Amino acid sequence: MRAVFDRVSSIIEDAKHKIAHTINNTMVQSYWSIGKEIIEEEQMGQ
């Protein structure tokens, strides 16, 4: 029974790491896009 618990715990931990990685990538992409929009808007106004 302990082996099953350990495998399930491992699956959950792996999922948590994947979720965190996906969220971090999405945040970086979002911030990059926001910065790009701001720069493009500033350049059009000059």
PDB file of N, CA and C in Angstrom:
ATOM      1  N   MET A   1       0.823  -1.198   0.000  1.00  0.00           N
ATOM      2  CA  MET A   1       0.000   0.000   0.000  1.00  0.00           C
ATOM      3  C   MET A   1       0.867   1.262   0.000  1.00  0.00           C
ATOM      4  N   ARG A   2       1.974   1.200   0.697  1.00  0.00           N
ATOM      5  CA  ARG A   2       2.878   2.349   0.751  1.00  0.00           C
ATOM      6  C   ARG A   2       3.409   2.689  -0.641  1.00  0.00           C
ATOM      7  N   ALA A   3       3.683   1.671  -1.443  1.00  0.00           N
ATOM      8  CA  ALA A   3       4.200   1.895  -2.795  1.00  0.00           C
ATOM      9  C   ALA A   3       3.183   2.645  -3.647  1.00  0.00           C
ATOM     10  N   VAL A   4       1.912   2.295  -3.507  1.00  0.00           N
ATOM     11  CA  VAL A   4       0.856   2.989  -4.253  1.00  0.00           C
ATOM     12  C   VAL A   4       0.799   4.448  -3.814  1.00  0.00           C
ATOM     13  N   PHE A   5       0.847   4.682  -2.522  1.00  0.00           N
ATOM     14  CA  PHE A   5       0.832   6.043  -1.997  1.00  0.00           C
ATOM     15  C   PHE A   5       2.007   6.848  -2.544  1.00  0.00           C
ATOM     16  N   ASP A   6       3.180   6.253  -2.557  1.00  0.00           N
ATOM     17  CA  ASP A   6       4.371   6.935  -3.072  1.00  0.00           C
ATOM     18  C   ASP A   6       4.232   7.268  -4.554  1.00  0.00           C
ATOM     19  N   ARG A   7       3.684   6.346  -5.337  1.00  0.00           N
ATOM     20  CA  ARG A   7       3.506   6.605  -6.773  1.00  0.00           C
ATOM     21  C   ARG A   7       2.486   7.717  -6.995  1.00  0.00           C
ATOM     22  N   VAL A   8       1.390   7.682  -6.250  1.00  0.00           N
ATOM     23  CA  VAL A   8       0.362   8.721  -6.381  1.00  0.00           C
ATOM     24  C   VAL A   8       0.934  10.077  -5.963  1.00  0.00           C
ATOM     25  N   SER A   9       1.684  10.101  -4.883  1.00  0.00           N
ATOM     26  CA  SER A   9       2.322  11.343  -4.438  1.00  0.00           C
ATOM     27  C   SER A   9       3.263  11.887  -5.506  1.00  0.00           C
ATOM     28  N   SER A  10       3.996  10.992  -6.133  1.00  0.00           N
ATOM     29  CA  SER A  10       4.917  11.394  -7.190  1.00  0.00           C
ATOM     30  C   SER A  10       4.169  11.980  -8.384  1.00  0.00           C
ATOM     31  N   ILE A  11       3.061  11.377  -8.749  1.00  0.00           N
ATOM     32  CA  ILE A  11       2.242  11.880  -9.856  1.00  0.00           C
ATOM     33  C   ILE A  11       1.735  13.283  -9.537  1.00  0.00           C
ATOM     34  N   ILE A  12       1.274  13.475  -8.310  1.00  0.00           N
ATOM     35  CA  ILE A  12       0.755  14.786  -7.907  1.00  0.00           C
ATOM     36  C   ILE A  12       1.860  15.835  -7.909  1.00  0.00           C
ATOM     37  N   GLU A  13       3.020  15.493  -7.371  1.00  0.00           N
ATOM     38  CA  GLU A  13       4.140  16.436  -7.356  1.00  0.00           C
ATOM     39  C   GLU A  13       4.582  16.793  -8.768  1.00  0.00           C
ATOM     40  N   ASP A  14       4.637  15.810  -9.647  1.00  0.00           N
ATOM     41  CA  ASP A  14       4.999  16.061 -11.043  1.00  0.00           C
ATOM     42  C   ASP A  14       3.993  17.009 -11.689  1.00  0.00           C
ATOM     43  N   ALA A  15       2.725  16.790 -11.425  1.00  0.00           N
ATOM     44  CA  ALA A  15       1.681  17.660 -11.978  1.00  0.00           C
ATOM     45  C   ALA A  15       1.836  19.084 -11.459  1.00  0.00           C
ATOM     46  N   LYS A  16       2.142  19.240 -10.186  1.00  0.00           N
ATOM     47  CA  LYS A  16       2.342  20.579  -9.610  1.00  0.00           C
ATOM     48  C   LYS A  16       3.492  21.305 -10.293  1.00  0.00           C
ATOM     49  N   HIS A  17       4.587  20.589 -10.537  1.00  0.00           N
ATOM     50  CA  HIS A  17       5.736  21.201 -11.209  1.00  0.00           C
ATOM     51  C   HIS A  17       5.381  21.609 -12.640  1.00  0.00           C
ATOM     52  N   LYS A  18       4.639  20.763 -13.337  1.00  0.00           N
ATOM     53  CA  LYS A  18       4.232  21.086 -14.708  1.00  0.00           C
ATOM     54  C   LYS A  18       3.306  22.295 -14.728  1.00  0.00           C
ATOM     55  N   ILE A  19       2.396  22.359 -13.774  1.00  0.00           N
ATOM     56  CA  ILE A  19       1.481  23.498 -13.685  1.00  0.00           C
ATOM     57  C   ILE A  19       2.262  24.785 -13.443  1.00  0.00           C
ATOM     58  N   ALA A  20       3.188  24.757 -12.493  1.00  0.00           N
ATOM     59  CA  ALA A  20       3.986  25.943 -12.187  1.00  0.00           C
ATOM     60  C   ALA A  20       4.793  26.382 -13.404  1.00  0.00           C
ATOM     61  N   HIS A  21       5.374  25.437 -14.116  1.00  0.00           N
ATOM     62  CA  HIS A  21       6.154  25.748 -15.314  1.00  0.00           C
ATOM     63  C   HIS A  21       5.268  26.397 -16.380  1.00  0.00           C
ATOM     64  N   THR A  22       4.088  25.841 -16.585  1.00  0.00           N
ATOM     65  CA  THR A  22       3.162  26.380 -17.580  1.00  0.00           C
ATOM     66  C   THR A  22       2.723  27.788 -17.204  1.00  0.00           C
ATOM     67  N   ILE A  23       2.405  27.994 -15.932  1.00  0.00           N
ATOM     68  CA  ILE A  23       1.992  29.324 -15.475  1.00  0.00           C
ATOM     69  C   ILE A  23       3.120  30.326 -15.670  1.00  0.00           C
ATOM     70  N   ASN A  24       4.333  29.959 -15.295  1.00  0.00           N
ATOM     71  CA  ASN A  24       5.471  30.867 -15.451  1.00  0.00           C
ATOM     72  C   ASN A  24       5.692  31.226 -16.915  1.00  0.00           C
ATOM     73  N   ASN A  25       5.636  30.247 -17.802  1.00  0.00           N
ATOM     74  CA  ASN A  25       5.805  30.524 -19.229  1.00  0.00           C
ATOM     75  C   ASN A  25       4.715  31.451 -19.742  1.00  0.00           C
ATOM     76  N   THR A  26       3.484  31.206 -19.329  1.00  0.00           N
ATOM     77  CA  THR A  26       2.366  32.033 -19.762  1.00  0.00           C
ATOM     78  C   THR A  26       2.523  33.464 -19.259  1.00  0.00           C
ATOM     79  N   MET A  27       2.971  33.626 -18.025  1.00  0.00           N
ATOM     80  CA  MET A  27       3.178  34.970 -17.486  1.00  0.00           C
ATOM     81  C   MET A  27       4.266  35.710 -18.255  1.00  0.00           C
ATOM     82  N   VAL A  28       5.370  35.033 -18.548  1.00  0.00           N
ATOM     83  CA  VAL A  28       6.454  35.667 -19.304  1.00  0.00           C
ATOM     84  C   VAL A  28       5.958  36.084 -20.684  1.00  0.00           C
ATOM     85  N   GLN A  29       5.233  35.206 -21.360  1.00  0.00           N
ATOM     86  CA  GLN A  29       4.698  35.539 -22.679  1.00  0.00           C
ATOM     87  C   GLN A  29       3.736  36.719 -22.597  1.00  0.00           C
ATOM     88  N   SER A  30       2.910  36.746 -21.574  1.00  0.00           N
ATOM     89  CA  SER A  30       1.954  37.839 -21.404  1.00  0.00           C
ATOM     90  C   SER A  30       2.676  39.159 -21.165  1.00  0.00           C
ATOM     91  N   TYR A  31       3.661  39.153 -20.268  1.00  0.00           N
ATOM     92  CA  TYR A  31       4.407  40.379 -19.984  1.00  0.00           C
ATOM     93  C   TYR A  31       5.165  40.855 -21.214  1.00  0.00           C
ATOM     94  N   TRP A  32       5.712  39.919 -21.982  1.00  0.00           N
ATOM     95  CA  TRP A  32       6.418  40.298 -23.200  1.00  0.00           C
ATOM     96  C   TRP A  32       5.449  40.960 -24.182  1.00  0.00           C
ATOM     97  N   SER A  33       4.269  40.386 -24.335  1.00  0.00           N
ATOM     98  CA  SER A  33       3.267  40.946 -25.244  1.00  0.00           C
ATOM     99  C   SER A  33       2.811  42.325 -24.781  1.00  0.00           C
ATOM    100  N   ILE A  34       2.638  42.491 -23.481  1.00  0.00           N
ATOM    101  CA  ILE A  34       2.243  43.795 -22.944  1.00  0.00           C
ATOM    102  C   ILE A  34       3.329  44.823 -23.227  1.00  0.00           C
ATOM    103  N   GLY A  35       4.571  44.460 -22.972  1.00  0.00           N
ATOM    104  CA  GLY A  35       5.683  45.367 -23.250  1.00  0.00           C
ATOM    105  C   GLY A  35       5.766  45.728 -24.718  1.00  0.00           C
ATOM    106  N   LYS A  36       5.546  44.751 -25.582  1.00  0.00           N
ATOM    107  CA  LYS A  36       5.567  44.996 -27.028  1.00  0.00           C
ATOM    108  C   LYS A  36       4.481  45.989 -27.417  1.00  0.00           C
ATOM    109  N   GLU A  37       3.288  45.818 -26.874  1.00  0.00           N
ATOM    110  CA  GLU A  37       2.184  46.742 -27.164  1.00  0.00           C
ATOM    111  C   GLU A  37       2.532  48.161 -26.724  1.00  0.00           C
ATOM    112  N   ILE A  38       3.108  48.287 -25.532  1.00  0.00           N
ATOM    113  CA  ILE A  38       3.465  49.612 -25.019  1.00  0.00           C
ATOM    114  C   ILE A  38       4.522  50.260 -25.899  1.00  0.00           C
ATOM    115  N   ILE A  39       5.561  49.522 -26.254  1.00  0.00           N
ATOM    116  CA  ILE A  39       6.632  50.063 -27.097  1.00  0.00           C
ATOM    117  C   ILE A  39       6.091  50.477 -28.461  1.00  0.00           C
ATOM    118  N   GLU A  40       5.271  49.623 -29.063  1.00  0.00           N
ATOM    119  CA  GLU A  40       4.716  49.954 -30.377  1.00  0.00           C
ATOM    120  C   GLU A  40       3.848  51.204 -30.301  1.00  0.00           C
ATOM    121  N   GLU A  41       3.076  51.338 -29.246  1.00  0.00           N
ATOM    122  CA  GLU A  41       2.227  52.524 -29.084  1.00  0.00           C
ATOM    123  C   GLU A  41       3.082  53.776 -28.894  1.00  0.00           C
ATOM    124  N   GLU A  42       4.137  53.668 -28.099  1.00  0.00           N
ATOM    125  CA  GLU A  42       5.028  54.806 -27.887  1.00  0.00           C
ATOM    126  C   GLU A  42       5.723  55.207 -29.181  1.00  0.00           C
ATOM    127  N   GLN A  43       6.147  54.242 -29.970  1.00  0.00           N
ATOM    128  CA  GLN A  43       6.855  54.543 -31.206  1.00  0.00           C
ATOM    129  C   GLN A  43       5.936  55.184 -32.236  1.00  0.00           C
ATOM    130  N   MET A  44       4.676  54.831 -32.228  1.00  0.00           N
ATOM    131  CA  MET A  44       3.733  55.432 -33.174  1.00  0.00           C
ATOM    132  C   MET A  44       3.457  56.887 -32.814  1.00  0.00           C
ATOM    133  N   GLY A  45       3.609  57.238 -31.552  1.00  0.00           N
ATOM    134  CA  GLY A  45       3.331  58.598 -31.114  1.00  0.00           C
ATOM    135  C   GLY A  45       4.489  59.549 -31.322  1.00  0.00           C
ATOM    136  N   GLN A  46       5.632  59.042 -31.751  1.00  0.00           N
ATOM    137  CA  GLN A  46       6.800  59.922 -31.908  1.00  0.00           C
ATOM    138  C   GLN A  46       6.920  60.451 -33.303  1.00  0.00           C
TER     139      GLN A  46
END
